Every structure is written in structure tokens, then in C-alpha cells.
Amino acid sequence: MGTEDVPPPPATKPKLSAMERRARQEDRLAALRLRMAIGRELDERGIADPAAIGAALGLPAAEAAKLLTRHQWREGDVALLTAAAARLGVPAKGAPGAVAGDDGGDAGGQGG
């Protein structure tokens, strides 16, 4: 077996810096919070039809569905979700920087 029979090593992805990983993780969390807030608002309004969801978010139905159900991080999702939340009147100001478990002071009937 000669050296010409050995396949080249697979290309490796460049590693993200710690700052880039942290920023991406913050984006993921913000996108998740926004998706949950938007989904809650759509449920409260009784909007379930894909075409109606698209109209409510100001996007084509297929794009709105992908945006709300996407599990893979994509650059630009937070901006699209923030715009969609604003269009629905969902307060997005606390979403990207919200602390886990922060519900805006509403104890949900718990405690006093």
C-alpha cells in the first residue's frame, strides 16, 4: 500500500474562540426564550394555522414555521424572532438578557 492510497484527512472546522462560543450560546438562549414567548402569545390568541401564524409574524407561512421550530442555531434568527415578537406586542426586552427562572415578578400563584 503506497502513500497515494491513503485518503487525505477530512477538513476540520476552525474552532470558535471562547468569546464566539459565549456569544453563540447567548444567541441560542435568546432564540429559545423568544420562540417560547411567541408560541405562548400565538396560543393565547388561538392562532394555530400555519398561514395565520405567518401572517401574524409578517413572514411566509413556511418561513415562519421553520423559524419557530428550528433546533439548529442560525445567525440572524434572534433578529427575526425579535422583530416577530415586536409585531405581536410580546416584550422581547427581557428575553435575550433574562435570567433563568425570571418571570417578570409574576409568581404564578406561588408564594406571596
PDB file of N, CA and C in Angstrom:
ATOM      1  N   MET A   1       0.857  -1.180   0.000  1.00  0.00           N
ATOM      2  CA  MET A   1       0.000   0.000   0.000  1.00  0.00           C
ATOM      3  C   MET A   1       0.895   1.233   0.000  1.00  0.00           C
ATOM      4  N   GLY A   2       0.776   2.033  -1.016  1.00  0.00           N
ATOM      5  CA  GLY A   2       1.607   3.216  -1.141  1.00  0.00           C
ATOM      6  C   GLY A   2       0.953   4.428  -0.512  1.00  0.00           C
ATOM      7  N   THR A   3       1.679   5.511  -0.443  1.00  0.00           N
ATOM      8  CA  THR A   3       1.154   6.730   0.162  1.00  0.00           C
ATOM      9  C   THR A   3       0.030   7.326  -0.663  1.00  0.00           C
ATOM     10  N   GLU A   4       0.000   7.008  -1.981  1.00  0.00           N
ATOM     11  CA  GLU A   4      -1.070   7.546  -2.807  1.00  0.00           C
ATOM     12  C   GLU A   4      -2.416   6.866  -2.530  1.00  0.00           C
ATOM     13  N   ASP A   5      -2.424   5.726  -1.826  1.00  0.00           N
ATOM     14  CA  ASP A   5      -3.664   5.017  -1.486  1.00  0.00           C
ATOM     15  C   ASP A   5      -4.331   5.557  -0.221  1.00  0.00           C
ATOM     16  N   VAL A   6      -3.629   6.391   0.536  1.00  0.00           N
ATOM     17  CA  VAL A   6      -4.164   6.918   1.788  1.00  0.00           C
ATOM     18  C   VAL A   6      -5.005   8.159   1.485  1.00  0.00           C
ATOM     19  N   PRO A   7      -6.277   8.139   1.891  1.00  0.00           N
ATOM     20  CA  PRO A   7      -7.105   9.328   1.631  1.00  0.00           C
ATOM     21  C   PRO A   7      -6.638  10.502   2.486  1.00  0.00           C
ATOM     22  N   PRO A   8      -6.844  11.715   1.993  1.00  0.00           N
ATOM     23  CA  PRO A   8      -6.435  12.883   2.793  1.00  0.00           C
ATOM     24  C   PRO A   8      -7.317  12.980   4.044  1.00  0.00           C
ATOM     25  N   PRO A   9      -6.776  13.546   5.105  1.00  0.00           N
ATOM     26  CA  PRO A   9      -7.584  13.686   6.323  1.00  0.00           C
ATOM     27  C   PRO A   9      -8.766  14.616   6.057  1.00  0.00           C
ATOM     28  N   PRO A  10      -9.887  14.383   6.717  1.00  0.00           N
ATOM     29  CA  PRO A  10     -11.049  15.249   6.489  1.00  0.00           C
ATOM     30  C   PRO A  10     -10.752  16.672   6.950  1.00  0.00           C
ATOM     31  N   ALA A  11     -11.345  17.614   6.250  1.00  0.00           N
ATOM     32  CA  ALA A  11     -11.155  19.024   6.620  1.00  0.00           C
ATOM     33  C   ALA A  11     -11.787  19.260   7.990  1.00  0.00           C
ATOM     34  N   THR A  12     -11.095  19.970   8.825  1.00  0.00           N
ATOM     35  CA  THR A  12     -11.619  20.252  10.163  1.00  0.00           C
ATOM     36  C   THR A  12     -12.166  21.668  10.185  1.00  0.00           C
ATOM     37  N   LYS A  13     -13.215  21.835  10.973  1.00  0.00           N
ATOM     38  CA  LYS A  13     -13.801  23.161  11.130  1.00  0.00           C
ATOM     39  C   LYS A  13     -12.903  23.977  12.038  1.00  0.00           C
ATOM     40  N   PRO A  14     -12.749  25.252  11.751  1.00  0.00           N
ATOM     41  CA  PRO A  14     -11.971  26.077  12.673  1.00  0.00           C
ATOM     42  C   PRO A  14     -12.717  26.187  14.003  1.00  0.00           C
ATOM     43  N   LYS A  15     -11.981  26.085  15.080  1.00  0.00           N
ATOM     44  CA  LYS A  15     -12.608  26.183  16.399  1.00  0.00           C
ATOM     45  C   LYS A  15     -13.010  27.618  16.670  1.00  0.00           C
ATOM     46  N   LEU A  16     -14.156  27.757  17.335  1.00  0.00           N
ATOM     47  CA  LEU A  16     -14.619  29.086  17.713  1.00  0.00           C
ATOM     48  C   LEU A  16     -13.860  29.533  18.957  1.00  0.00           C
ATOM     49  N   SER A  17     -13.611  30.826  19.042  1.00  0.00           N
ATOM     50  CA  SER A  17     -12.956  31.351  20.239  1.00  0.00           C
ATOM     51  C   SER A  17     -13.950  31.293  21.393  1.00  0.00           C
ATOM     52  N   ALA A  18     -13.458  31.440  22.587  1.00  0.00           N
ATOM     53  CA  ALA A  18     -14.323  31.405  23.769  1.00  0.00           C
ATOM     54  C   ALA A  18     -15.379  32.505  23.685  1.00  0.00           C
ATOM     55  N   MET A  19     -14.996  33.669  23.203  1.00  0.00           N
ATOM     56  CA  MET A  19     -15.941  34.780  23.089  1.00  0.00           C
ATOM     57  C   MET A  19     -17.025  34.453  22.053  1.00  0.00           C
ATOM     58  N   GLU A  20     -16.638  33.851  20.932  1.00  0.00           N
ATOM     59  CA  GLU A  20     -17.609  33.487  19.914  1.00  0.00           C
ATOM     60  C   GLU A  20     -18.558  32.406  20.415  1.00  0.00           C
ATOM     61  N   ARG A  21     -18.021  31.422  21.145  1.00  0.00           N
ATOM     62  CA  ARG A  21     -18.874  30.362  21.711  1.00  0.00           C
ATOM     63  C   ARG A  21     -19.865  30.948  22.699  1.00  0.00           C
ATOM     64  N   ARG A  22     -19.401  31.866  23.525  1.00  0.00           N
ATOM     65  CA  ARG A  22     -20.271  32.503  24.521  1.00  0.00           C
ATOM     66  C   ARG A  22     -21.376  33.312  23.824  1.00  0.00           C
ATOM     67  N   ALA A  23     -21.000  34.059  22.797  1.00  0.00           N
ATOM     68  CA  ALA A  23     -21.990  34.861  22.054  1.00  0.00           C
ATOM     69  C   ALA A  23     -23.003  33.952  21.375  1.00  0.00           C
ATOM     70  N   ARG A  24     -22.547  32.856  20.811  1.00  0.00           N
ATOM     71  CA  ARG A  24     -23.457  31.933  20.138  1.00  0.00           C
ATOM     72  C   ARG A  24     -24.401  31.282  21.148  1.00  0.00           C
ATOM     73  N   GLN A  25     -23.879  30.930  22.319  1.00  0.00           N
ATOM     74  CA  GLN A  25     -24.715  30.338  23.360  1.00  0.00           C
ATOM     75  C   GLN A  25     -25.777  31.339  23.832  1.00  0.00           C
ATOM     76  N   GLU A  26     -25.385  32.603  23.988  1.00  0.00           N
ATOM     77  CA  GLU A  26     -26.352  33.634  24.373  1.00  0.00           C
ATOM     78  C   GLU A  26     -27.422  33.790  23.299  1.00  0.00           C
ATOM     79  N   ASP A  27     -27.028  33.719  22.031  1.00  0.00           N
ATOM     80  CA  ASP A  27     -27.990  33.788  20.932  1.00  0.00           C
ATOM     81  C   ASP A  27     -28.954  32.607  20.980  1.00  0.00           C
ATOM     82  N   ARG A  28     -28.419  31.415  21.252  1.00  0.00           N
ATOM     83  CA  ARG A  28     -29.282  30.229  21.335  1.00  0.00           C
ATOM     84  C   ARG A  28     -30.325  30.392  22.427  1.00  0.00           C
ATOM     85  N   LEU A  29     -29.883  30.862  23.592  1.00  0.00           N
ATOM     86  CA  LEU A  29     -30.808  31.050  24.707  1.00  0.00           C
ATOM     87  C   LEU A  29     -31.841  32.129  24.400  1.00  0.00           C
ATOM     88  N   ALA A  30     -31.395  33.220  23.793  1.00  0.00           N
ATOM     89  CA  ALA A  30     -32.321  34.294  23.435  1.00  0.00           C
ATOM     90  C   ALA A  30     -33.346  33.780  22.427  1.00  0.00           C
ATOM     91  N   ALA A  31     -32.895  33.025  21.429  1.00  0.00           N
ATOM     92  CA  ALA A  31     -33.807  32.487  20.419  1.00  0.00           C
ATOM     93  C   ALA A  31     -34.815  31.542  21.063  1.00  0.00           C
ATOM     94  N   LEU A  32     -34.363  30.712  21.975  1.00  0.00           N
ATOM     95  CA  LEU A  32     -35.270  29.788  22.657  1.00  0.00           C
ATOM     96  C   LEU A  32     -36.320  30.544  23.464  1.00  0.00           C
ATOM     97  N   ARG A  33     -35.890  31.552  24.207  1.00  0.00           N
ATOM     98  CA  ARG A  33     -36.832  32.342  25.005  1.00  0.00           C
ATOM     99  C   ARG A  33     -37.850  33.060  24.118  1.00  0.00           C
ATOM    100  N   LEU A  34     -37.354  33.618  23.010  1.00  0.00           N
ATOM    101  CA  LEU A  34     -38.250  34.313  22.091  1.00  0.00           C
ATOM    102  C   LEU A  34     -39.237  33.350  21.444  1.00  0.00           C
ATOM    103  N   ARG A  35     -38.751  32.172  21.044  1.00  0.00           N
ATOM    104  CA  ARG A  35     -39.661  31.181  20.451  1.00  0.00           C
ATOM    105  C   ARG A  35     -40.753  30.793  21.442  1.00  0.00           C
ATOM    106  N   MET A  36     -40.368  30.610  22.691  1.00  0.00           N
ATOM    107  CA  MET A  36     -41.357  30.239  23.709  1.00  0.00           C
ATOM    108  C   MET A  36     -42.360  31.365  23.929  1.00  0.00           C
ATOM    109  N   ALA A  37     -41.883  32.599  24.006  1.00  0.00           N
ATOM    110  CA  ALA A  37     -42.773  33.741  24.229  1.00  0.00           C
ATOM    111  C   ALA A  37     -43.717  33.926  23.044  1.00  0.00           C
ATOM    112  N   ILE A  38     -43.194  33.789  21.830  1.00  0.00           N
ATOM    113  CA  ILE A  38     -44.020  33.934  20.634  1.00  0.00           C
ATOM    114  C   ILE A  38     -45.046  32.800  20.578  1.00  0.00           C
ATOM    115  N   GLY A  39     -44.611  31.584  20.855  1.00  0.00           N
ATOM    116  CA  GLY A  39     -45.525  30.448  20.852  1.00  0.00           C
ATOM    117  C   GLY A  39     -46.642  30.604  21.862  1.00  0.00           C
ATOM    118  N   ARG A  40     -46.293  31.105  23.045  1.00  0.00           N
ATOM    119  CA  ARG A  40     -47.300  31.349  24.089  1.00  0.00           C
ATOM    120  C   ARG A  40     -48.317  32.387  23.616  1.00  0.00           C
ATOM    121  N   GLU A  41     -47.811  33.460  23.020  1.00  0.00           N
ATOM    122  CA  GLU A  41     -48.696  34.526  22.542  1.00  0.00           C
ATOM    123  C   GLU A  41     -49.619  34.015  21.435  1.00  0.00           C
ATOM    124  N   LEU A  42     -49.074  33.236  20.511  1.00  0.00           N
ATOM    125  CA  LEU A  42     -49.895  32.684  19.445  1.00  0.00           C
ATOM    126  C   LEU A  42     -50.972  31.760  20.023  1.00  0.00           C
ATOM    127  N   ASP A  43     -50.610  30.951  21.016  1.00  0.00           N
ATOM    128  CA  ASP A  43     -51.584  30.068  21.669  1.00  0.00           C
ATOM    129  C   ASP A  43     -52.689  30.871  22.344  1.00  0.00           C
ATOM    130  N   GLU A  44     -52.288  31.935  23.061  1.00  0.00           N
ATOM    131  CA  GLU A  44     -53.271  32.764  23.752  1.00  0.00           C
ATOM    132  C   GLU A  44     -54.245  33.412  22.779  1.00  0.00           C
ATOM    133  N   ARG A  45     -53.762  33.722  21.586  1.00  0.00           N
ATOM    134  CA  ARG A  45     -54.612  34.343  20.571  1.00  0.00           C
ATOM    135  C   ARG A  45     -55.385  33.306  19.756  1.00  0.00           C
ATOM    136  N   GLY A  46     -55.107  32.033  19.995  1.00  0.00           N
ATOM    137  CA  GLY A  46     -55.790  30.974  19.258  1.00  0.00           C
ATOM    138  C   GLY A  46     -55.326  30.842  17.826  1.00  0.00           C
ATOM    139  N   ILE A  47     -54.101  31.273  17.559  1.00  0.00           N
ATOM    140  CA  ILE A  47     -53.553  31.209  16.197  1.00  0.00           C
ATOM    141  C   ILE A  47     -52.749  29.921  16.075  1.00  0.00           C
ATOM    142  N   ALA A  48     -53.241  28.991  15.232  1.00  0.00           N
ATOM    143  CA  ALA A  48     -52.557  27.712  15.078  1.00  0.00           C
ATOM    144  C   ALA A  48     -52.308  27.350  13.618  1.00  0.00           C
ATOM    145  N   ASP A  49     -53.080  27.909  12.720  1.00  0.00           N
ATOM    146  CA  ASP A  49     -52.940  27.622  11.301  1.00  0.00           C
ATOM    147  C   ASP A  49     -51.626  28.213  10.780  1.00  0.00           C
ATOM    148  N   PRO A  50     -50.838  27.428  10.043  1.00  0.00           N
ATOM    149  CA  PRO A  50     -49.553  27.943   9.544  1.00  0.00           C
ATOM    150  C   PRO A  50     -49.667  29.250   8.766  1.00  0.00           C
ATOM    151  N   ALA A  51     -50.698  29.377   7.952  1.00  0.00           N
ATOM    152  CA  ALA A  51     -50.871  30.615   7.189  1.00  0.00           C
ATOM    153  C   ALA A  51     -51.159  31.787   8.124  1.00  0.00           C
ATOM    154  N   ALA A  52     -51.964  31.544   9.166  1.00  0.00           N
ATOM    155  CA  ALA A  52     -52.275  32.600  10.129  1.00  0.00           C
ATOM    156  C   ALA A  52     -51.048  32.970  10.956  1.00  0.00           C
ATOM    157  N   ILE A  53     -50.243  31.975  11.287  1.00  0.00           N
ATOM    158  CA  ILE A  53     -49.004  32.245  12.026  1.00  0.00           C
ATOM    159  C   ILE A  53     -48.087  33.109  11.176  1.00  0.00           C
ATOM    160  N   GLY A  54     -47.948  32.754   9.908  1.00  0.00           N
ATOM    161  CA  GLY A  54     -47.117  33.542   9.003  1.00  0.00           C
ATOM    162  C   GLY A  54     -47.613  34.968   8.893  1.00  0.00           C
ATOM    163  N   ALA A  55     -48.919  35.125   8.772  1.00  0.00           N
ATOM    164  CA  ALA A  55     -49.492  36.472   8.670  1.00  0.00           C
ATOM    165  C   ALA A  55     -49.250  37.263   9.948  1.00  0.00           C
ATOM    166  N   ALA A  56     -49.397  36.605  11.099  1.00  0.00           N
ATOM    167  CA  ALA A  56     -49.195  37.290  12.377  1.00  0.00           C
ATOM    168  C   ALA A  56     -47.741  37.724  12.554  1.00  0.00           C
ATOM    169  N   LEU A  57     -46.808  36.926  12.025  1.00  0.00           N
ATOM    170  CA  LEU A  57     -45.390  37.249  12.171  1.00  0.00           C
ATOM    171  C   LEU A  57     -44.862  38.095  11.014  1.00  0.00           C
ATOM    172  N   GLY A  58     -45.669  38.263   9.972  1.00  0.00           N
ATOM    173  CA  GLY A  58     -45.222  39.042   8.828  1.00  0.00           C
ATOM    174  C   GLY A  58     -44.227  38.293   7.964  1.00  0.00           C
ATOM    175  N   LEU A  59     -44.362  36.961   7.922  1.00  0.00           N
ATOM    176  CA  LEU A  59     -43.468  36.111   7.141  1.00  0.00           C
ATOM    177  C   LEU A  59     -44.299  35.136   6.324  1.00  0.00           C
ATOM    178  N   PRO A  60     -43.712  34.585   5.261  1.00  0.00           N
ATOM    179  CA  PRO A  60     -44.409  33.492   4.574  1.00  0.00           C
ATOM    180  C   PRO A  60     -44.618  32.332   5.560  1.00  0.00           C
ATOM    181  N   ALA A  61     -45.702  31.586   5.384  1.00  0.00           N
ATOM    182  CA  ALA A  61     -46.052  30.522   6.323  1.00  0.00           C
ATOM    183  C   ALA A  61     -44.917  29.525   6.527  1.00  0.00           C
ATOM    184  N   ALA A  62     -44.284  29.082   5.455  1.00  0.00           N
ATOM    185  CA  ALA A  62     -43.212  28.085   5.570  1.00  0.00           C
ATOM    186  C   ALA A  62     -42.019  28.645   6.350  1.00  0.00           C
ATOM    187  N   GLU A  63     -41.673  29.903   6.067  1.00  0.00           N
ATOM    188  CA  GLU A  63     -40.536  30.522   6.766  1.00  0.00           C
ATOM    189  C   GLU A  63     -40.839  30.712   8.251  1.00  0.00           C
ATOM    190  N   ALA A  64     -42.072  31.110   8.568  1.00  0.00           N
ATOM    191  CA  ALA A  64     -42.466  31.288   9.969  1.00  0.00           C
ATOM    192  C   ALA A  64     -42.406  29.961  10.708  1.00  0.00           C
ATOM    193  N   ALA A  65     -42.897  28.903  10.076  1.00  0.00           N
ATOM    194  CA  ALA A  65     -42.871  27.582  10.708  1.00  0.00           C
ATOM    195  C   ALA A  65     -41.441  27.137  10.966  1.00  0.00           C
ATOM    196  N   LYS A  66     -40.569  27.321   9.990  1.00  0.00           N
ATOM    197  CA  LYS A  66     -39.163  26.943  10.167  1.00  0.00           C
ATOM    198  C   LYS A  66     -38.521  27.752  11.287  1.00  0.00           C
ATOM    199  N   LEU A  67     -38.788  29.043  11.326  1.00  0.00           N
ATOM    200  CA  LEU A  67     -38.195  29.915  12.332  1.00  0.00           C
ATOM    201  C   LEU A  67     -38.610  29.498  13.741  1.00  0.00           C
ATOM    202  N   LEU A  68     -39.878  29.119  13.893  1.00  0.00           N
ATOM    203  CA  LEU A  68     -40.380  28.776  15.226  1.00  0.00           C
ATOM    204  C   LEU A  68     -40.044  27.356  15.658  1.00  0.00           C
ATOM    205  N   THR A  69     -39.694  26.478  14.722  1.00  0.00           N
ATOM    206  CA  THR A  69     -39.423  25.086  15.089  1.00  0.00           C
ATOM    207  C   THR A  69     -37.970  24.675  14.905  1.00  0.00           C
ATOM    208  N   ARG A  70     -37.159  25.562  14.408  1.00  0.00           N
ATOM    209  CA  ARG A  70     -35.750  25.246  14.135  1.00  0.00           C
ATOM    210  C   ARG A  70     -35.013  24.907  15.424  1.00  0.00           C
ATOM    211  N   HIS A  71     -34.232  23.842  15.382  1.00  0.00           N
ATOM    212  CA  HIS A  71     -33.436  23.445  16.545  1.00  0.00           C
ATOM    213  C   HIS A  71     -31.966  23.797  16.373  1.00  0.00           C
ATOM    214  N   GLN A  72     -31.563  24.037  15.145  1.00  0.00           N
ATOM    215  CA  GLN A  72     -30.161  24.357  14.882  1.00  0.00           C
ATOM    216  C   GLN A  72     -29.969  25.869  14.895  1.00  0.00           C
ATOM    217  N   TRP A  73     -28.902  26.324  15.537  1.00  0.00           N
ATOM    218  CA  TRP A  73     -28.619  27.747  15.610  1.00  0.00           C
ATOM    219  C   TRP A  73     -28.295  28.267  14.220  1.00  0.00           C
ATOM    220  N   ARG A  74     -28.874  29.403  13.893  1.00  0.00           N
ATOM    221  CA  ARG A  74     -28.547  30.085  12.641  1.00  0.00           C
ATOM    222  C   ARG A  74     -28.401  31.564  12.926  1.00  0.00           C
ATOM    223  N   GLU A  75     -27.378  32.132  12.351  1.00  0.00           N
ATOM    224  CA  GLU A  75     -27.152  33.561  12.527  1.00  0.00           C
ATOM    225  C   GLU A  75     -28.337  34.322  11.938  1.00  0.00           C
ATOM    226  N   GLY A  76     -28.813  35.306  12.676  1.00  0.00           N
ATOM    227  CA  GLY A  76     -29.921  36.116  12.216  1.00  0.00           C
ATOM    228  C   GLY A  76     -31.265  35.710  12.803  1.00  0.00           C
ATOM    229  N   ASP A  77     -31.335  34.519  13.414  1.00  0.00           N
ATOM    230  CA  ASP A  77     -32.605  34.075  13.995  1.00  0.00           C
ATOM    231  C   ASP A  77     -33.085  35.003  15.099  1.00  0.00           C
ATOM    232  N   VAL A  78     -32.175  35.456  15.952  1.00  0.00           N
ATOM    233  CA  VAL A  78     -32.578  36.314  17.069  1.00  0.00           C
ATOM    234  C   VAL A  78     -33.192  37.607  16.545  1.00  0.00           C
ATOM    235  N   ALA A  79     -32.605  38.169  15.505  1.00  0.00           N
ATOM    236  CA  ALA A  79     -33.151  39.404  14.935  1.00  0.00           C
ATOM    237  C   ALA A  79     -34.549  39.163  14.351  1.00  0.00           C
ATOM    238  N   LEU A  80     -34.721  38.057  13.631  1.00  0.00           N
ATOM    239  CA  LEU A  80     -36.032  37.743  13.060  1.00  0.00           C
ATOM    240  C   LEU A  80     -37.063  37.491  14.160  1.00  0.00           C
ATOM    241  N   LEU A  81     -36.659  36.751  15.192  1.00  0.00           N
ATOM    242  CA  LEU A  81     -37.573  36.450  16.292  1.00  0.00           C
ATOM    243  C   LEU A  81     -37.919  37.708  17.079  1.00  0.00           C
ATOM    244  N   THR A  82     -36.945  38.597  17.257  1.00  0.00           N
ATOM    245  CA  THR A  82     -37.200  39.851  17.969  1.00  0.00           C
ATOM    246  C   THR A  82     -38.205  40.700  17.196  1.00  0.00           C
ATOM    247  N   ALA A  83     -38.042  40.751  15.881  1.00  0.00           N
ATOM    248  CA  ALA A  83     -38.978  41.509  15.046  1.00  0.00           C
ATOM    249  C   ALA A  83     -40.373  40.888  15.094  1.00  0.00           C
ATOM    250  N   ALA A  84     -40.429  39.548  15.068  1.00  0.00           N
ATOM    251  CA  ALA A  84     -41.725  38.867  15.136  1.00  0.00           C
ATOM    252  C   ALA A  84     -42.389  39.123  16.482  1.00  0.00           C
ATOM    253  N   ALA A  85     -41.599  39.087  17.561  1.00  0.00           N
ATOM    254  CA  ALA A  85     -42.140  39.346  18.901  1.00  0.00           C
ATOM    255  C   ALA A  85     -42.673  40.770  18.986  1.00  0.00           C
ATOM    256  N   ALA A  86     -41.947  41.712  18.424  1.00  0.00           N
ATOM    257  CA  ALA A  86     -42.387  43.109  18.445  1.00  0.00           C
ATOM    258  C   ALA A  86     -43.691  43.270  17.664  1.00  0.00           C
ATOM    259  N   ARG A  87     -43.798  42.563  16.559  1.00  0.00           N
ATOM    260  CA  ARG A  87     -45.012  42.643  15.738  1.00  0.00           C
ATOM    261  C   ARG A  87     -46.228  42.129  16.514  1.00  0.00           C
ATOM    262  N   LEU A  88     -46.003  41.120  17.382  1.00  0.00           N
ATOM    263  CA  LEU A  88     -47.085  40.562  18.191  1.00  0.00           C
ATOM    264  C   LEU A  88     -47.319  41.356  19.470  1.00  0.00           C
ATOM    265  N   GLY A  89     -46.396  42.257  19.782  1.00  0.00           N
ATOM    266  CA  GLY A  89     -46.515  43.012  21.026  1.00  0.00           C
ATOM    267  C   GLY A  89     -45.957  42.259  22.218  1.00  0.00           C
ATOM    268  N   VAL A  90     -45.153  41.228  21.952  1.00  0.00           N
ATOM    269  CA  VAL A  90     -44.521  40.457  23.025  1.00  0.00           C
ATOM    270  C   VAL A  90     -43.291  41.222  23.482  1.00  0.00           C
ATOM    271  N   PRO A  91     -43.179  41.490  24.785  1.00  0.00           N
ATOM    272  CA  PRO A  91     -41.993  42.211  25.251  1.00  0.00           C
ATOM    273  C   PRO A  91     -40.749  41.347  25.088  1.00  0.00           C
ATOM    274  N   ALA A  92     -39.890  41.729  24.181  1.00  0.00           N
ATOM    275  CA  ALA A  92     -38.670  40.975  23.921  1.00  0.00           C
ATOM    276  C   ALA A  92     -37.483  41.552  24.657  1.00  0.00           C
ATOM    277  N   LYS A  93     -37.694  42.671  25.363  1.00  0.00           N
ATOM    278  CA  LYS A  93     -36.563  43.328  26.028  1.00  0.00           C
ATOM    279  C   LYS A  93     -35.904  42.431  27.061  1.00  0.00           C
ATOM    280  N   GLY A  94     -36.662  41.601  27.743  1.00  0.00           N
ATOM    281  CA  GLY A  94     -36.087  40.738  28.763  1.00  0.00           C
ATOM    282  C   GLY A  94     -35.632  39.408  28.234  1.00  0.00           C
ATOM    283  N   ALA A  95     -36.012  39.049  27.015  1.00  0.00           N
ATOM    284  CA  ALA A  95     -35.708  37.716  26.512  1.00  0.00           C
ATOM    285  C   ALA A  95     -34.217  37.439  26.376  1.00  0.00           C
ATOM    286  N   PRO A  96     -33.444  38.250  25.634  1.00  0.00           N
ATOM    287  CA  PRO A  96     -32.044  37.915  25.485  1.00  0.00           C
ATOM    288  C   PRO A  96     -31.251  37.997  26.781  1.00  0.00           C
ATOM    289  N   GLY A  97     -31.600  38.906  27.680  1.00  0.00           N
ATOM    290  CA  GLY A  97     -30.805  39.053  28.892  1.00  0.00           C
ATOM    291  C   GLY A  97     -31.489  38.528  30.128  1.00  0.00           C
ATOM    292  N   ALA A  98     -32.613  37.858  29.958  1.00  0.00           N
ATOM    293  CA  ALA A  98     -33.374  37.388  31.119  1.00  0.00           C
ATOM    294  C   ALA A  98     -32.603  36.311  31.864  1.00  0.00           C
ATOM    295  N   VAL A  99     -32.754  36.327  33.163  1.00  0.00           N
ATOM    296  CA  VAL A  99     -32.136  35.313  33.994  1.00  0.00           C
ATOM    297  C   VAL A  99     -33.050  34.102  34.010  1.00  0.00           C
ATOM    298  N   ALA A 100     -32.481  32.914  34.008  1.00  0.00           N
ATOM    299  CA  ALA A 100     -33.296  31.699  34.036  1.00  0.00           C
ATOM    300  C   ALA A 100     -34.231  31.739  35.227  1.00  0.00           C
ATOM    301  N   GLY A 101     -35.483  31.477  34.971  1.00  0.00           N
ATOM    302  CA  GLY A 101     -36.476  31.480  36.039  1.00  0.00           C
ATOM    303  C   GLY A 101     -37.092  32.835  36.272  1.00  0.00           C
ATOM    304  N   ASP A 102     -36.593  33.876  35.615  1.00  0.00           N
ATOM    305  CA  ASP A 102     -37.156  35.214  35.784  1.00  0.00           C
ATOM    306  C   ASP A 102     -38.455  35.284  35.018  1.00  0.00           C
ATOM    307  N   ASP A 103     -39.536  35.554  35.736  1.00  0.00           N
ATOM    308  CA  ASP A 103     -40.835  35.620  35.084  1.00  0.00           C
ATOM    309  C   ASP A 103     -41.441  37.011  35.230  1.00  0.00           C
ATOM    310  N   GLY A 104     -40.611  37.996  35.389  1.00  0.00           N
ATOM    311  CA  GLY A 104     -41.092  39.366  35.456  1.00  0.00           C
ATOM    312  C   GLY A 104     -41.825  39.679  36.744  1.00  0.00           C
ATOM    313  N   GLY A 105     -41.564  38.916  37.788  1.00  0.00           N
ATOM    314  CA  GLY A 105     -42.172  39.189  39.074  1.00  0.00           C
ATOM    315  C   GLY A 105     -43.474  38.454  39.302  1.00  0.00           C
ATOM    316  N   ASP A 106     -44.005  37.760  38.302  1.00  0.00           N
ATOM    317  CA  ASP A 106     -45.229  37.001  38.467  1.00  0.00           C
ATOM    318  C   ASP A 106     -44.869  35.656  39.060  1.00  0.00           C
ATOM    319  N   ALA A 107     -45.360  35.394  40.254  1.00  0.00           N
ATOM    320  CA  ALA A 107     -45.032  34.143  40.931  1.00  0.00           C
ATOM    321  C   ALA A 107     -45.961  33.029  40.488  1.00  0.00           C
ATOM    322  N   GLY A 108     -46.840  33.296  39.570  1.00  0.00           N
ATOM    323  CA  GLY A 108     -47.718  32.263  39.045  1.00  0.00           C
ATOM    324  C   GLY A 108     -48.618  31.647  40.098  1.00  0.00           C
ATOM    325  N   GLY A 109     -49.032  32.461  41.062  1.00  0.00           N
ATOM    326  CA  GLY A 109     -49.892  31.960  42.111  1.00  0.00           C
ATOM    327  C   GLY A 109     -49.122  31.312  43.255  1.00  0.00           C
ATOM    328  N   GLN A 110     -47.811  31.283  43.128  1.00  0.00           N
ATOM    329  CA  GLN A 110     -46.983  30.697  44.168  1.00  0.00           C
ATOM    330  C   GLN A 110     -46.419  31.777  45.059  1.00  0.00           C
ATOM    331  N   GLY A 111     -46.386  31.527  46.318  1.00  0.00           N
ATOM    332  CA  GLY A 111     -45.752  32.455  47.249  1.00  0.00           C
ATOM    333  C   GLY A 111     -46.550  33.719  47.421  1.00  0.00           C
ATOM    334  N   GLY A 112     -45.878  34.720  48.001  1.00  0.00           N
ATOM    335  CA  GLY A 112     -46.683  35.846  48.332  1.00  0.00           C
ATOM    336  C   GLY A 112     -46.217  37.132  47.895  1.00  0.00           C
TER     337      GLY A 112
END
